[in-house]
Protein backbone atom coordinates (compact mmCIF):
# COMPACT_ATOMS: atom_id res chain seq x y z
CA MET A 1 14.51 -16.60 43.62
CA TYR A 2 12.40 -15.89 40.48
CA PRO A 3 11.81 -12.27 39.52
CA ALA A 4 8.01 -12.58 39.32
CA ALA A 5 7.45 -8.84 39.41
CA GLU A 6 9.80 -8.28 36.48
CA LEU A 7 8.21 -11.11 34.50
CA ASN A 8 4.75 -9.69 35.16
CA ASP A 9 5.95 -6.26 34.06
CA LEU A 10 7.41 -7.72 30.85
CA ALA A 11 4.18 -9.62 30.19
CA ALA A 12 2.18 -6.40 30.57
CA ARG A 13 4.52 -4.54 28.23
CA LYS A 14 4.32 -7.40 25.72
CA SER A 15 0.51 -7.29 25.69
CA ALA A 16 0.63 -3.49 25.25
CA VAL A 17 3.01 -3.83 22.31
CA ARG A 18 0.81 -6.53 20.76
CA ALA A 19 -2.24 -4.31 21.11
CA ARG A 20 -0.40 -1.41 19.51
CA VAL A 21 0.79 -3.62 16.65
CA SER A 22 -2.75 -4.88 16.00
CA VAL A 23 -4.08 -1.30 15.91
CA ASP A 24 -1.29 -0.29 13.53
CA ARG A 25 -2.07 -3.29 11.30
CA LEU A 26 -5.72 -2.28 11.10
CA ARG A 27 -4.73 1.29 10.33
CA CYS A 28 -2.33 0.15 7.59
CA ALA A 29 -5.00 -2.11 6.10
CA THR A 30 -7.40 0.84 6.00
CA TYR A 31 -4.82 3.07 4.34
CA ALA A 32 -3.99 0.35 1.80
CA ALA A 33 -7.66 -0.10 0.95
CA ASP A 34 -8.05 3.66 0.51
CA ALA A 35 -4.97 3.77 -1.73
CA ALA A 36 -6.15 0.81 -3.82
CA ARG A 37 -9.64 2.21 -4.44
CA PRO A 38 -8.61 4.46 -7.38
CA LEU A 39 -6.57 1.63 -8.84
CA HIS A 40 -9.58 -0.66 -8.66
CA LEU A 41 -11.68 1.97 -10.42
CA LEU A 42 -9.01 2.37 -13.10
CA ASP A 43 -8.89 -1.40 -13.58
CA ARG A 44 -12.67 -1.50 -14.05
CA VAL A 45 -12.51 1.34 -16.57
CA ILE A 46 -9.78 -0.43 -18.56
CA THR A 47 -11.77 -3.67 -18.53
CA GLN A 48 -14.87 -1.88 -19.80
CA TRP A 49 -12.80 -0.04 -22.42
CA LYS A 50 -11.53 -3.37 -23.80
CA ARG A 51 -15.12 -4.53 -24.29
CA ILE A 52 -15.96 -1.60 -26.57
CA PRO A 53 -15.64 -2.35 -30.29
CA PRO A 54 -12.80 -0.52 -32.11
CA PHE A 55 -15.10 1.54 -34.35
CA ALA A 56 -16.95 2.83 -31.29
CA LYS A 57 -13.65 3.89 -29.70
CA ILE A 58 -12.92 6.08 -32.69
CA ALA A 59 -16.35 7.72 -32.38
CA VAL A 60 -15.84 8.56 -28.70
CA LEU A 61 -13.63 11.60 -29.34
CA PRO A 62 -16.05 13.61 -31.50
CA LEU A 63 -18.98 12.58 -29.31
CA GLY A 64 -17.12 13.76 -26.22
CA LEU A 65 -16.41 17.11 -27.83
CA LEU A 66 -20.04 17.49 -28.88
CA LEU A 67 -21.19 16.55 -25.38
CA ARG A 68 -18.93 19.18 -23.87
CA GLN A 69 -20.34 21.77 -26.24
CA ALA A 70 -23.86 20.77 -25.20
CA VAL A 71 -23.04 20.87 -21.49
CA LEU A 72 -21.07 24.13 -21.62
CA PRO A 73 -22.86 26.18 -24.27
CA GLY A 74 -21.46 29.52 -23.07
CA LYS A 75 -17.90 28.63 -23.98
CA LYS A 76 -16.89 28.71 -27.60
CA VAL A 77 -15.56 25.31 -28.60
CA HIS A 78 -13.47 25.18 -31.73
CA LEU A 79 -14.22 21.63 -32.78
CA ALA A 80 -11.85 21.46 -35.74
CA GLY A 81 -8.92 22.85 -33.74
CA ARG A 82 -9.51 20.45 -30.88
CA VAL A 83 -9.80 17.48 -33.18
CA MET A 84 -6.59 18.43 -34.97
CA ARG A 85 -4.80 18.88 -31.66
CA LEU A 86 -6.07 15.62 -30.14
CA LEU A 87 -5.80 13.47 -33.26
CA PRO A 88 -2.14 12.44 -32.66
CA VAL A 89 -2.96 11.48 -29.08
CA ALA A 90 -5.97 9.45 -30.18
CA MET A 91 -4.00 7.70 -32.90
CA SER A 92 -1.17 6.79 -30.54
CA ALA A 93 -3.70 5.50 -28.01
CA LEU A 94 -5.29 3.33 -30.68
CA LYS A 95 -1.87 2.00 -31.69
CA ILE A 96 -1.11 1.11 -28.08
CA LEU A 97 -4.45 -0.62 -27.67
CA ASN A 98 -3.96 -2.57 -30.88
CA ALA A 99 -0.46 -3.61 -29.78
CA ARG A 100 -1.79 -4.80 -26.42
CA ARG A 101 -4.50 -6.82 -28.12
CA ARG A 102 -1.94 -8.82 -30.13
């Protein structure tokens, strides 16, 4: 009267689907963690950047250029040209940071 074989077959399929779903969930969680890792690093960098005093932020650009010249001595680095080219970017970044602070 009761289709026991069919119910057993459905129960087996249901457990297989549940197992597949749990494996897919673990896989998705792993992919999400891998995707969030750079965002976490970026968040830590932004947090550390906010802790730096404003006058030190201004000094970072020339120090970075001097560090590059020390690390790569074979390449000719035109410091004045680079500073002139990057000055508008640095000023706009400082304006954005000051606006966020308020």
